């Protein structure tokens, strides 16, 4: 166990919920040294998890957030690349559960999420990796246009750039700095040959994420002897847990069993209420679209969504209806 690689993750926000506590402790319990970096102290780190200063890796100001959603995912994407360059640690998202120790040969640690796409929720690269240096150099230009984007996206970005209105990475499509970028560089350098099969890190797909919290599904049927980790897809699983499941997995489900196994009490660290707050105003089409999408998702009430974004509930309902009507016409 002493030779196991060190693991690192980043948390931007307040205290942890039980889901992050479970995932982080699973690595410690598997024998890994795991460090959770943050820009502010976290009061409820689980036993065995070390605290790290995120500023030592990459400065927290300016915090790079997606212009529409406000998500710090862009900042986290760049932070992990700098962490890989400066340390000997492997990155994992805070919603990655360790099933077995990461006892791999070599420093390339990543895997297929689905055909053609490597997910960067688990990412290890050697310091001399051409993929790593390529990504870091590419993102030095915050207005760069990614060759991994769809042709129409590239065309639109080039049009804006040629018109003297280059689009900043924080204003591009969601996920611009994420798996698509990592996958493209891995393929371009040939390092994609090190990608692990889907069952190693992503045995439970995004569409089957609820299997993790429902007792009628046996996750053992999806896990293989090669499985080292399970991505829990927290961005979509947590709203379901909070809104529909009384903030806990159902009794007998996989996550219920894992909470007991690792000694995590869900009642001591509940998943906090979601606050969907977007930049912009009622006269901004992108702002209205994001509000309408959130209303369709139903993760929070219309009244709360309206209050968070300083608009009227009637406006939210109207934008939701308009989005549905326009979407129907696209499929006719």
C-alpha atoms as a PDB file:
ATOM      1  CA  UNK A   1       0.000   0.000   0.000  1.00  0.00           C
ATOM      2  CA  UNK A   2       2.935   2.346   0.623  1.00  0.00           C
ATOM      3  CA  UNK A   3       3.628   2.530  -3.104  1.00  0.00           C
ATOM      4  CA  UNK A   4       0.144   3.634  -4.068  1.00  0.00           C
ATOM      5  CA  UNK A   5       0.005   6.978  -5.914  1.00  0.00           C
ATOM      6  CA  UNK A   6      -1.080  10.116  -4.107  1.00  0.00           C
ATOM      7  CA  UNK A   7      -4.532  11.449  -4.953  1.00  0.00           C
ATOM      8  CA  UNK A   8      -5.725  15.060  -5.088  1.00  0.00           C
ATOM      9  CA  UNK A   9      -8.989  16.899  -5.582  1.00  0.00           C
ATOM     10  CA  UNK A  10     -10.258  20.475  -5.391  1.00  0.00           C
ATOM     11  CA  UNK A  11     -13.316  21.878  -3.614  1.00  0.00           C
ATOM     12  CA  UNK A  12     -14.600  25.357  -4.349  1.00  0.00           C
ATOM     13  CA  UNK A  13     -17.390  26.262  -1.973  1.00  0.00           C
ATOM     14  CA  UNK A  14     -18.423  25.708   1.614  1.00  0.00           C
ATOM     15  CA  UNK A  15     -18.427  22.518   3.627  1.00  0.00           C
ATOM     16  CA  UNK A  16     -18.796  19.065   2.104  1.00  0.00           C
ATOM     17  CA  UNK A  17     -21.973  17.057   1.764  1.00  0.00           C
ATOM     18  CA  UNK A  18     -22.060  13.383   2.701  1.00  0.00           C
ATOM     19  CA  UNK A  19     -21.535  12.445  -0.952  1.00  0.00           C
ATOM     20  CA  UNK A  20     -18.145  14.182  -1.173  1.00  0.00           C
ATOM     21  CA  UNK A  21     -17.207  12.895   2.275  1.00  0.00           C
ATOM     22  CA  UNK A  22     -17.949   9.335   1.159  1.00  0.00           C
ATOM     23  CA  UNK A  23     -15.899   9.592  -2.025  1.00  0.00           C
ATOM     24  CA  UNK A  24     -12.883  11.223  -0.395  1.00  0.00           C
ATOM     25  CA  UNK A  25     -12.830   8.789   2.523  1.00  0.00           C
ATOM     26  CA  UNK A  26     -13.064   5.839   0.139  1.00  0.00           C
ATOM     27  CA  UNK A  27      -9.600   6.712  -1.188  1.00  0.00           C
ATOM     28  CA  UNK A  28      -8.161   7.095   2.302  1.00  0.00           C
ATOM     29  CA  UNK A  29      -9.699   3.774   3.337  1.00  0.00           C
ATOM     30  CA  UNK A  30      -8.192   2.130   0.241  1.00  0.00           C
ATOM     31  CA  UNK A  31      -4.723   3.152   1.421  1.00  0.00           C
ATOM     32  CA  UNK A  32      -4.144   6.249  -0.684  1.00  0.00           C
ATOM     33  CA  UNK A  33      -2.813   9.529   0.624  1.00  0.00           C
ATOM     34  CA  UNK A  34      -5.516  11.918  -0.523  1.00  0.00           C
ATOM     35  CA  UNK A  35      -5.426  15.704  -0.294  1.00  0.00           C
ATOM     36  CA  UNK A  36      -8.423  17.951  -0.754  1.00  0.00           C
ATOM     37  CA  UNK A  37      -7.260  21.389  -1.840  1.00  0.00           C
ATOM     38  CA  UNK A  38      -9.419  24.450  -1.258  1.00  0.00           C
ATOM     39  CA  UNK A  39      -9.183  28.243  -1.207  1.00  0.00           C
ATOM     40  CA  UNK A  40     -10.861  28.445   2.200  1.00  0.00           C
ATOM     41  CA  UNK A  41     -10.855  26.127   5.229  1.00  0.00           C
ATOM     42  CA  UNK A  42     -13.305  23.202   5.190  1.00  0.00           C
ATOM     43  CA  UNK A  43     -14.665  22.281   8.615  1.00  0.00           C
ATOM     44  CA  UNK A  44     -15.915  18.759   7.896  1.00  0.00           C
ATOM     45  CA  UNK A  45     -13.116  16.873   6.173  1.00  0.00           C
ATOM     46  CA  UNK A  46     -13.556  13.134   6.751  1.00  0.00           C
ATOM     47  CA  UNK A  47     -10.984  11.183   8.713  1.00  0.00           C
ATOM     48  CA  UNK A  48      -7.833  10.393   6.753  1.00  0.00           C
ATOM     49  CA  UNK A  49      -8.194  13.221   4.215  1.00  0.00           C
ATOM     50  CA  UNK A  50      -5.488  15.900   4.202  1.00  0.00           C
ATOM     51  CA  UNK A  51      -6.168  19.614   3.652  1.00  0.00           C
ATOM     52  CA  UNK A  52      -4.206  21.518   1.001  1.00  0.00           C
ATOM     53  CA  UNK A  53      -3.951  25.175  -0.004  1.00  0.00           C
ATOM     54  CA  UNK A  54      -5.255  25.504  -3.560  1.00  0.00           C
ATOM     55  CA  UNK A  55      -3.364  28.787  -4.012  1.00  0.00           C
ATOM     56  CA  UNK A  56      -0.105  26.843  -3.952  1.00  0.00           C
ATOM     57  CA  UNK A  57      -1.144  25.226  -7.223  1.00  0.00           C
ATOM     58  CA  UNK A  58      -3.105  27.926  -9.059  1.00  0.00           C
ATOM     59  CA  UNK A  59      -4.384  31.310  -7.823  1.00  0.00           C
ATOM     60  CA  UNK A  60      -8.031  31.651  -6.892  1.00  0.00           C
ATOM     61  CA  UNK A  61      -8.315  35.155  -8.293  1.00  0.00           C
ATOM     62  CA  UNK A  62      -9.642  35.718 -10.796  1.00  0.00           C
ATOM     63  CA  UNK A  63     -12.008  32.792 -10.290  1.00  0.00           C
ATOM     64  CA  UNK A  64     -12.838  31.524 -13.777  1.00  0.00           C
ATOM     65  CA  UNK A  65     -16.577  30.850 -13.849  1.00  0.00           C
ATOM     66  CA  UNK A  66     -18.830  30.043 -16.774  1.00  0.00           C
ATOM     67  CA  UNK A  67     -20.464  33.323 -17.762  1.00  0.00           C
ATOM     68  CA  UNK A  68     -24.019  31.988 -17.890  1.00  0.00           C
ATOM     69  CA  UNK A  69     -24.150  29.251 -15.235  1.00  0.00           C
ATOM     70  CA  UNK A  70     -21.626  30.734 -12.819  1.00  0.00           C
ATOM     71  CA  UNK A  71     -20.002  27.314 -12.441  1.00  0.00           C
ATOM     72  CA  UNK A  72     -16.305  27.257 -11.418  1.00  0.00           C
ATOM     73  CA  UNK A  73     -15.728  24.139 -13.564  1.00  0.00           C
ATOM     74  CA  UNK A  74     -13.425  26.077 -15.915  1.00  0.00           C
ATOM     75  CA  UNK A  75     -11.246  27.082 -12.980  1.00  0.00           C
ATOM     76  CA  UNK A  76     -11.171  23.487 -11.737  1.00  0.00           C
ATOM     77  CA  UNK A  77     -10.171  22.246 -15.206  1.00  0.00           C
ATOM     78  CA  UNK A  78      -7.189  24.596 -15.330  1.00  0.00           C
ATOM     79  CA  UNK A  79      -6.316  23.953 -11.690  1.00  0.00           C
ATOM     80  CA  UNK A  80      -6.021  20.205 -12.250  1.00  0.00           C
ATOM     81  CA  UNK A  81      -3.676  20.668 -15.212  1.00  0.00           C
ATOM     82  CA  UNK A  82      -1.395  22.863 -13.118  1.00  0.00           C
ATOM     83  CA  UNK A  83      -1.570  20.343 -10.270  1.00  0.00           C
ATOM     84  CA  UNK A  84      -0.448  17.546 -12.589  1.00  0.00           C
ATOM     85  CA  UNK A  85       2.496  19.673 -13.729  1.00  0.00           C
ATOM     86  CA  UNK A  86       3.588  20.669 -10.220  1.00  0.00           C
ATOM     87  CA  UNK A  87       3.007  17.498  -8.178  1.00  0.00           C
ATOM     88  CA  UNK A  88       3.133  13.728  -8.454  1.00  0.00           C
ATOM     89  CA  UNK A  89      -0.564  13.359  -7.619  1.00  0.00           C
ATOM     90  CA  UNK A  90      -3.465  11.936  -9.616  1.00  0.00           C
ATOM     91  CA  UNK A  91      -6.592  14.040  -9.956  1.00  0.00           C
ATOM     92  CA  UNK A  92     -10.062  12.752  -9.050  1.00  0.00           C
ATOM     93  CA  UNK A  93     -13.327  14.688  -8.892  1.00  0.00           C
ATOM     94  CA  UNK A  94     -14.951  14.862  -5.464  1.00  0.00           C
ATOM     95  CA  UNK A  95     -17.737  12.579  -6.733  1.00  0.00           C
ATOM     96  CA  UNK A  96     -15.456   9.678  -7.686  1.00  0.00           C
ATOM     97  CA  UNK A  97     -15.756   6.677  -5.361  1.00  0.00           C
ATOM     98  CA  UNK A  98     -12.719   4.423  -4.953  1.00  0.00           C
ATOM     99  CA  UNK A  99     -13.696   0.789  -5.393  1.00  0.00           C
ATOM    100  CA  UNK A 100     -10.155  -0.612  -5.394  1.00  0.00           C
ATOM    101  CA  UNK A 101      -6.696   0.956  -5.029  1.00  0.00           C
ATOM    102  CA  UNK A 102      -5.206   2.657  -8.096  1.00  0.00           C
ATOM    103  CA  UNK A 103      -2.338   0.182  -8.433  1.00  0.00           C
ATOM    104  CA  UNK A 104      -1.558   0.958 -12.072  1.00  0.00           C
ATOM    105  CA  UNK A 105       1.790   0.667 -13.791  1.00  0.00           C
ATOM    106  CA  UNK A 106       2.839   4.022 -15.198  1.00  0.00           C
ATOM    107  CA  UNK A 107       1.651   7.598 -14.752  1.00  0.00           C
ATOM    108  CA  UNK A 108      -1.073   7.700 -17.410  1.00  0.00           C
ATOM    109  CA  UNK A 109      -4.308   7.234 -15.481  1.00  0.00           C
ATOM    110  CA  UNK A 110      -7.556   7.975 -17.314  1.00  0.00           C
ATOM    111  CA  UNK A 111     -10.319   6.090 -19.075  1.00  0.00           C
ATOM    112  CA  UNK A 112     -13.119   6.050 -21.589  1.00  0.00           C
ATOM    113  CA  UNK A 113     -16.484   7.388 -20.462  1.00  0.00           C
ATOM    114  CA  UNK A 114     -18.055   6.430 -23.779  1.00  0.00           C
ATOM    115  CA  UNK A 115     -16.783   5.786 -27.325  1.00  0.00           C
ATOM    116  CA  UNK A 116     -14.545   8.654 -28.399  1.00  0.00           C
ATOM    117  CA  UNK A 117     -14.605  10.539 -25.087  1.00  0.00           C
ATOM    118  CA  UNK A 118     -12.221  10.355 -22.135  1.00  0.00           C
ATOM    119  CA  UNK A 119     -13.716  11.873 -18.985  1.00  0.00           C
ATOM    120  CA  UNK A 120     -11.317  13.994 -16.931  1.00  0.00           C
ATOM    121  CA  UNK A 121     -13.009  13.105 -13.635  1.00  0.00           C
ATOM    122  CA  UNK A 122      -9.983  10.826 -13.181  1.00  0.00           C
ATOM    123  CA  UNK A 123      -6.774  12.142 -14.693  1.00  0.00           C
ATOM    124  CA  UNK A 124      -3.145  11.258 -14.223  1.00  0.00           C
ATOM    125  CA  UNK A 125      -0.403  12.366 -16.626  1.00  0.00           C
ATOM    126  CA  UNK A 126       3.389  12.351 -16.296  1.00  0.00           C
ATOM    127  CA  UNK A 127       5.053  15.739 -16.064  1.00  0.00           C
ATOM    128  CA  UNK A 128       6.694  15.238 -19.476  1.00  0.00           C
ATOM    129  CA  UNK A 129       3.352  14.407 -21.119  1.00  0.00           C
ATOM    130  CA  UNK A 130       2.883  16.136 -24.471  1.00  0.00           C
ATOM    131  CA  UNK A 131      -0.854  16.175 -23.767  1.00  0.00           C
ATOM    132  CA  UNK A 132      -0.310  18.035 -20.510  1.00  0.00           C
ATOM    133  CA  UNK A 133       2.080  20.596 -21.986  1.00  0.00           C
ATOM    134  CA  UNK A 134      -0.191  21.016 -25.006  1.00  0.00           C
ATOM    135  CA  UNK A 135      -3.262  21.716 -22.883  1.00  0.00           C
ATOM    136  CA  UNK A 136      -1.435  24.165 -20.627  1.00  0.00           C
ATOM    137  CA  UNK A 137       0.002  26.071 -23.574  1.00  0.00           C
ATOM    138  CA  UNK A 138      -3.310  26.114 -25.440  1.00  0.00           C
ATOM    139  CA  UNK A 139      -5.211  27.609 -22.512  1.00  0.00           C
ATOM    140  CA  UNK A 140      -2.650  30.370 -22.038  1.00  0.00           C
ATOM    141  CA  UNK A 141      -4.788  32.158 -24.632  1.00  0.00           C
ATOM    142  CA  UNK A 142      -8.226  32.577 -23.011  1.00  0.00           C
ATOM    143  CA  UNK A 143      -9.692  33.377 -26.435  1.00  0.00           C
ATOM    144  CA  UNK A 144      -8.361  30.289 -28.209  1.00  0.00           C
ATOM    145  CA  UNK A 145     -10.731  28.322 -30.452  1.00  0.00           C
ATOM    146  CA  UNK A 146     -10.728  24.615 -29.703  1.00  0.00           C
ATOM    147  CA  UNK A 147     -10.231  22.272 -32.686  1.00  0.00           C
ATOM    148  CA  UNK A 148     -12.352  19.708 -30.827  1.00  0.00           C
ATOM    149  CA  UNK A 149     -15.477  21.862 -31.151  1.00  0.00           C
ATOM    150  CA  UNK A 150     -18.189  21.186 -33.711  1.00  0.00           C
ATOM    151  CA  UNK A 151     -17.694  22.831 -37.144  1.00  0.00           C
ATOM    152  CA  UNK A 152     -20.557  25.288 -36.664  1.00  0.00           C
ATOM    153  CA  UNK A 153     -19.151  26.333 -33.270  1.00  0.00           C
ATOM    154  CA  UNK A 154     -15.713  26.935 -34.760  1.00  0.00           C
ATOM    155  CA  UNK A 155     -17.258  28.919 -37.600  1.00  0.00           C
ATOM    156  CA  UNK A 156     -19.192  31.138 -35.182  1.00  0.00           C
ATOM    157  CA  UNK A 157     -16.146  31.747 -32.973  1.00  0.00           C
ATOM    158  CA  UNK A 158     -13.952  32.563 -35.955  1.00  0.00           C
ATOM    159  CA  UNK A 159     -16.577  35.005 -37.211  1.00  0.00           C
ATOM    160  CA  UNK A 160     -16.588  36.815 -33.860  1.00  0.00           C
ATOM    161  CA  UNK A 161     -12.797  36.791 -33.700  1.00  0.00           C
ATOM    162  CA  UNK A 162     -12.449  38.240 -37.202  1.00  0.00           C
ATOM    163  CA  UNK A 163     -14.992  40.925 -36.290  1.00  0.00           C
ATOM    164  CA  UNK A 164     -12.803  41.995 -33.381  1.00  0.00           C
ATOM    165  CA  UNK A 165     -15.006  40.328 -30.759  1.00  0.00           C
ATOM    166  CA  UNK A 166     -13.065  37.245 -29.627  1.00  0.00           C
ATOM    167  CA  UNK A 167     -15.022  35.039 -27.228  1.00  0.00           C
ATOM    168  CA  UNK A 168     -13.433  34.416 -23.828  1.00  0.00           C
ATOM    169  CA  UNK A 169     -13.288  30.823 -22.557  1.00  0.00           C
ATOM    170  CA  UNK A 170     -15.761  31.707 -19.803  1.00  0.00           C
ATOM    171  CA  UNK A 171     -18.307  32.744 -22.444  1.00  0.00           C
ATOM    172  CA  UNK A 172     -17.966  29.694 -24.674  1.00  0.00           C
ATOM    173  CA  UNK A 173     -20.160  26.604 -24.609  1.00  0.00           C
ATOM    174  CA  UNK A 174     -20.404  24.651 -21.352  1.00  0.00           C
ATOM    175  CA  UNK A 175     -17.517  22.195 -20.913  1.00  0.00           C
ATOM    176  CA  UNK A 176     -15.112  23.940 -23.314  1.00  0.00           C
ATOM    177  CA  UNK A 177     -12.094  23.205 -21.088  1.00  0.00           C
ATOM    178  CA  UNK A 178     -13.204  19.711 -20.064  1.00  0.00           C
ATOM    179  CA  UNK A 179     -13.330  16.178 -21.480  1.00  0.00           C
ATOM    180  CA  UNK A 180     -13.510  17.271 -25.135  1.00  0.00           C
ATOM    181  CA  UNK A 181     -10.255  19.193 -24.861  1.00  0.00           C
ATOM    182  CA  UNK A 182      -8.473  16.427 -22.937  1.00  0.00           C
ATOM    183  CA  UNK A 183      -9.666  13.769 -25.382  1.00  0.00           C
ATOM    184  CA  UNK A 184      -8.536  15.776 -28.417  1.00  0.00           C
ATOM    185  CA  UNK A 185      -5.007  16.297 -27.099  1.00  0.00           C
ATOM    186  CA  UNK A 186      -4.694  12.665 -25.992  1.00  0.00           C
ATOM    187  CA  UNK A 187      -5.606  11.557 -29.499  1.00  0.00           C
ATOM    188  CA  UNK A 188      -3.354  14.151 -31.127  1.00  0.00           C
ATOM    189  CA  UNK A 189      -0.303  13.060 -29.113  1.00  0.00           C
ATOM    190  CA  UNK A 190      -1.017   9.346 -29.256  1.00  0.00           C
ATOM    191  CA  UNK A 191      -1.256   9.100 -25.470  1.00  0.00           C
ATOM    192  CA  UNK A 192      -4.836   7.942 -25.923  1.00  0.00           C
ATOM    193  CA  UNK A 193      -3.372   4.435 -26.153  1.00  0.00           C
ATOM    194  CA  UNK A 194      -3.151   4.471 -22.347  1.00  0.00           C
ATOM    195  CA  UNK A 195      -6.906   4.935 -21.878  1.00  0.00           C
ATOM    196  CA  UNK A 196      -8.494   2.353 -19.607  1.00  0.00           C
ATOM    197  CA  UNK A 197     -11.692   0.593 -20.636  1.00  0.00           C
ATOM    198  CA  UNK A 198     -15.012   2.091 -19.542  1.00  0.00           C
ATOM    199  CA  UNK A 199     -15.505  -0.386 -16.700  1.00  0.00           C
ATOM    200  CA  UNK A 200     -12.345   0.795 -14.913  1.00  0.00           C
ATOM    201  CA  UNK A 201     -13.623   4.257 -13.895  1.00  0.00           C
ATOM    202  CA  UNK A 202     -17.105   4.646 -15.399  1.00  0.00           C
ATOM    203  CA  UNK A 203     -18.923   1.320 -15.030  1.00  0.00           C
ATOM    204  CA  UNK A 204     -22.170   3.153 -14.214  1.00  0.00           C
ATOM    205  CA  UNK A 205     -23.107   5.463 -17.070  1.00  0.00           C
ATOM    206  CA  UNK A 206     -24.559   8.932 -16.706  1.00  0.00           C
ATOM    207  CA  UNK A 207     -28.013   7.738 -17.790  1.00  0.00           C
ATOM    208  CA  UNK A 208     -27.937   4.939 -15.183  1.00  0.00           C
ATOM    209  CA  UNK A 209     -26.744   7.145 -12.311  1.00  0.00           C
ATOM    210  CA  UNK A 210     -29.940   6.628 -10.296  1.00  0.00           C
ATOM    211  CA  UNK A 211     -29.076   2.929 -10.059  1.00  0.00           C
ATOM    212  CA  UNK A 212     -26.581   3.972  -7.387  1.00  0.00           C
ATOM    213  CA  UNK A 213     -29.297   5.151  -4.976  1.00  0.00           C
ATOM    214  CA  UNK A 214     -32.181   2.766  -5.739  1.00  0.00           C
ATOM    215  CA  UNK A 215     -32.266  -0.583  -3.975  1.00  0.00           C
ATOM    216  CA  UNK A 216     -33.826  -2.510  -6.861  1.00  0.00           C
ATOM    217  CA  UNK A 217     -30.601  -2.245  -8.878  1.00  0.00           C
ATOM    218  CA  UNK A 218     -27.544  -4.382  -8.186  1.00  0.00           C
ATOM    219  CA  UNK A 219     -24.471  -2.325  -9.062  1.00  0.00           C
ATOM    220  CA  UNK A 220     -22.325  -5.414  -8.684  1.00  0.00           C
ATOM    221  CA  UNK A 221     -23.739  -6.521 -12.046  1.00  0.00           C
ATOM    222  CA  UNK A 222     -22.095  -3.493 -13.678  1.00  0.00           C
ATOM    223  CA  UNK A 223     -18.786  -3.607 -11.802  1.00  0.00           C
ATOM    224  CA  UNK A 224     -15.969  -5.871 -13.008  1.00  0.00           C
ATOM    225  CA  UNK A 225     -12.741  -7.132 -11.471  1.00  0.00           C
ATOM    226  CA  UNK A 226     -11.002  -4.265 -13.302  1.00  0.00           C
ATOM    227  CA  UNK A 227     -13.133  -1.522 -11.738  1.00  0.00           C
ATOM    228  CA  UNK A 228     -11.056   0.882  -9.672  1.00  0.00           C
ATOM    229  CA  UNK A 229     -13.548   3.710  -9.276  1.00  0.00           C
ATOM    230  CA  UNK A 230     -17.160   4.694  -9.846  1.00  0.00           C
ATOM    231  CA  UNK A 231     -18.119   8.173 -10.985  1.00  0.00           C
ATOM    232  CA  UNK A 232     -21.287   9.194  -9.138  1.00  0.00           C
ATOM    233  CA  UNK A 233     -22.307  12.019 -11.516  1.00  0.00           C
ATOM    234  CA  UNK A 234     -23.058  14.314  -8.562  1.00  0.00           C
ATOM    235  CA  UNK A 235     -24.106  17.313 -10.641  1.00  0.00           C
ATOM    236  CA  UNK A 236     -27.297  15.449 -11.591  1.00  0.00           C
ATOM    237  CA  UNK A 237     -27.496  12.858  -8.808  1.00  0.00           C
ATOM    238  CA  UNK A 238     -27.489  15.375  -5.953  1.00  0.00           C
ATOM    239  CA  UNK A 239     -30.665  17.215  -7.104  1.00  0.00           C
ATOM    240  CA  UNK A 240     -32.502  13.870  -7.238  1.00  0.00           C
ATOM    241  CA  UNK A 241     -31.293  12.996  -3.734  1.00  0.00           C
ATOM    242  CA  UNK A 242     -32.183  16.394  -2.344  1.00  0.00           C
ATOM    243  CA  UNK A 243     -35.594  16.828  -3.965  1.00  0.00           C
ATOM    244  CA  UNK A 244     -36.976  13.294  -4.291  1.00  0.00           C
ATOM    245  CA  UNK A 245     -35.086  11.082  -1.843  1.00  0.00           C
ATOM    246  CA  UNK A 246     -35.071  12.993   1.460  1.00  0.00           C
ATOM    247  CA  UNK A 247     -31.334  13.687   1.050  1.00  0.00           C
ATOM    248  CA  UNK A 248     -30.230  10.073   1.319  1.00  0.00           C
ATOM    249  CA  UNK A 249     -29.933   6.950  -0.840  1.00  0.00           C
ATOM    250  CA  UNK A 250     -32.645   4.350  -0.420  1.00  0.00           C
ATOM    251  CA  UNK A 251     -32.110   1.619   2.126  1.00  0.00           C
ATOM    252  CA  UNK A 252     -30.179  -1.294   0.648  1.00  0.00           C
ATOM    253  CA  UNK A 253     -28.928   0.644  -2.370  1.00  0.00           C
ATOM    254  CA  UNK A 254     -25.267   0.699  -3.332  1.00  0.00           C
ATOM    255  CA  UNK A 255     -24.597   4.130  -1.825  1.00  0.00           C
ATOM    256  CA  UNK A 256     -26.531   3.260   1.310  1.00  0.00           C
ATOM    257  CA  UNK A 257     -24.267   0.247   1.789  1.00  0.00           C
ATOM    258  CA  UNK A 258     -21.141   2.311   1.108  1.00  0.00           C
ATOM    259  CA  UNK A 259     -22.138   4.976   3.639  1.00  0.00           C
ATOM    260  CA  UNK A 260     -22.358   2.266   6.286  1.00  0.00           C
ATOM    261  CA  UNK A 261     -19.124   0.657   5.121  1.00  0.00           C
ATOM    262  CA  UNK A 262     -17.124   3.889   5.449  1.00  0.00           C
ATOM    263  CA  UNK A 263     -18.902   5.209   8.537  1.00  0.00           C
ATOM    264  CA  UNK A 264     -20.415   8.318   6.953  1.00  0.00           C
ATOM    265  CA  UNK A 265     -23.646   9.703   8.453  1.00  0.00           C
ATOM    266  CA  UNK A 266     -25.761  11.443   5.814  1.00  0.00           C
ATOM    267  CA  UNK A 267     -27.640  13.390   8.482  1.00  0.00           C
ATOM    268  CA  UNK A 268     -24.490  15.201   9.623  1.00  0.00           C
ATOM    269  CA  UNK A 269     -23.670  16.617   6.183  1.00  0.00           C
ATOM    270  CA  UNK A 270     -26.836  16.988   4.084  1.00  0.00           C
ATOM    271  CA  UNK A 271     -26.737  18.064   0.457  1.00  0.00           C
ATOM    272  CA  UNK A 272     -27.468  21.815   0.539  1.00  0.00           C
ATOM    273  CA  UNK A 273     -30.262  23.425  -1.403  1.00  0.00           C
ATOM    274  CA  UNK A 274     -29.359  24.388  -4.928  1.00  0.00           C
ATOM    275  CA  UNK A 275     -29.191  28.066  -5.826  1.00  0.00           C
ATOM    276  CA  UNK A 276     -29.403  28.569  -9.593  1.00  0.00           C
ATOM    277  CA  UNK A 277     -28.296  32.138 -10.181  1.00  0.00           C
ATOM    278  CA  UNK A 278     -27.320  33.284 -13.673  1.00  0.00           C
ATOM    279  CA  UNK A 279     -25.672  36.445 -14.883  1.00  0.00           C
ATOM    280  CA  UNK A 280     -27.682  38.703 -17.153  1.00  0.00           C
ATOM    281  CA  UNK A 281     -31.178  40.109 -17.201  1.00  0.00           C
ATOM    282  CA  UNK A 282     -34.607  39.739 -18.755  1.00  0.00           C
ATOM    283  CA  UNK A 283     -33.464  41.443 -21.955  1.00  0.00           C
ATOM    284  CA  UNK A 284     -30.694  38.855 -22.512  1.00  0.00           C
ATOM    285  CA  UNK A 285     -31.850  35.863 -24.658  1.00  0.00           C
ATOM    286  CA  UNK A 286     -29.139  33.591 -23.215  1.00  0.00           C
ATOM    287  CA  UNK A 287     -30.214  34.458 -19.663  1.00  0.00           C
ATOM    288  CA  UNK A 288     -33.860  33.676 -20.487  1.00  0.00           C
ATOM    289  CA  UNK A 289     -32.839  30.399 -22.109  1.00  0.00           C
ATOM    290  CA  UNK A 290     -30.828  29.252 -19.088  1.00  0.00           C
ATOM    291  CA  UNK A 291     -33.701  30.118 -16.742  1.00  0.00           C
ATOM    292  CA  UNK A 292     -36.109  28.189 -18.990  1.00  0.00           C
ATOM    293  CA  UNK A 293     -33.829  25.147 -19.045  1.00  0.00           C
ATOM    294  CA  UNK A 294     -33.529  25.141 -15.259  1.00  0.00           C
ATOM    295  CA  UNK A 295     -37.304  25.435 -14.979  1.00  0.00           C
ATOM    296  CA  UNK A 296     -37.688  22.383 -17.209  1.00  0.00           C
ATOM    297  CA  UNK A 297     -35.210  20.417 -15.111  1.00  0.00           C
ATOM    298  CA  UNK A 298     -37.358  21.045 -12.057  1.00  0.00           C
ATOM    299  CA  UNK A 299     -34.518  20.850  -9.521  1.00  0.00           C
ATOM    300  CA  UNK A 300     -36.001  23.824  -7.668  1.00  0.00           C
ATOM    301  CA  UNK A 301     -39.392  25.511  -7.635  1.00  0.00           C
ATOM    302  CA  UNK A 302     -40.385  28.206 -10.102  1.00  0.00           C
ATOM    303  CA  UNK A 303     -40.775  30.636  -7.201  1.00  0.00           C
ATOM    304  CA  UNK A 304     -37.272  29.930  -5.867  1.00  0.00           C
ATOM    305  CA  UNK A 305     -35.719  30.109  -9.328  1.00  0.00           C
ATOM    306  CA  UNK A 306     -37.394  33.462  -9.927  1.00  0.00           C
ATOM    307  CA  UNK A 307     -36.297  34.808  -6.549  1.00  0.00           C
ATOM    308  CA  UNK A 308     -32.685  33.709  -7.073  1.00  0.00           C
ATOM    309  CA  UNK A 309     -32.538  35.585 -10.369  1.00  0.00           C
ATOM    310  CA  UNK A 310     -34.642  38.644  -9.512  1.00  0.00           C
ATOM    311  CA  UNK A 311     -37.372  37.954 -12.060  1.00  0.00           C
ATOM    312  CA  UNK A 312     -41.101  37.261 -11.826  1.00  0.00           C
ATOM    313  CA  UNK A 313     -42.397  33.660 -11.590  1.00  0.00           C
ATOM    314  CA  UNK A 314     -44.752  34.451 -14.466  1.00  0.00           C
ATOM    315  CA  UNK A 315     -41.721  35.317 -16.620  1.00  0.00           C
ATOM    316  CA  UNK A 316     -40.058  31.993 -15.787  1.00  0.00           C
ATOM    317  CA  UNK A 317     -43.207  30.079 -16.776  1.00  0.00           C
ATOM    318  CA  UNK A 318     -43.510  32.073 -19.991  1.00  0.00           C
ATOM    319  CA  UNK A 319     -39.869  31.444 -20.968  1.00  0.00           C
ATOM    320  CA  UNK A 320     -40.258  27.737 -20.182  1.00  0.00           C
ATOM    321  CA  UNK A 321     -43.349  27.489 -22.391  1.00  0.00           C
ATOM    322  CA  UNK A 322     -41.647  29.428 -25.183  1.00  0.00           C
ATOM    323  CA  UNK A 323     -38.605  27.114 -25.079  1.00  0.00           C
ATOM    324  CA  UNK A 324     -40.775  24.006 -25.315  1.00  0.00           C
ATOM    325  CA  UNK A 325     -42.795  25.416 -28.219  1.00  0.00           C
ATOM    326  CA  UNK A 326     -39.677  26.330 -30.172  1.00  0.00           C
ATOM    327  CA  UNK A 327     -38.039  22.988 -29.450  1.00  0.00           C
ATOM    328  CA  UNK A 328     -41.073  21.071 -30.749  1.00  0.00           C
ATOM    329  CA  UNK A 329     -40.852  22.922 -34.072  1.00  0.00           C
ATOM    330  CA  UNK A 330     -37.202  21.888 -34.460  1.00  0.00           C
ATOM    331  CA  UNK A 331     -38.249  18.232 -34.523  1.00  0.00           C
ATOM    332  CA  UNK A 332     -41.124  18.595 -36.969  1.00  0.00           C
END
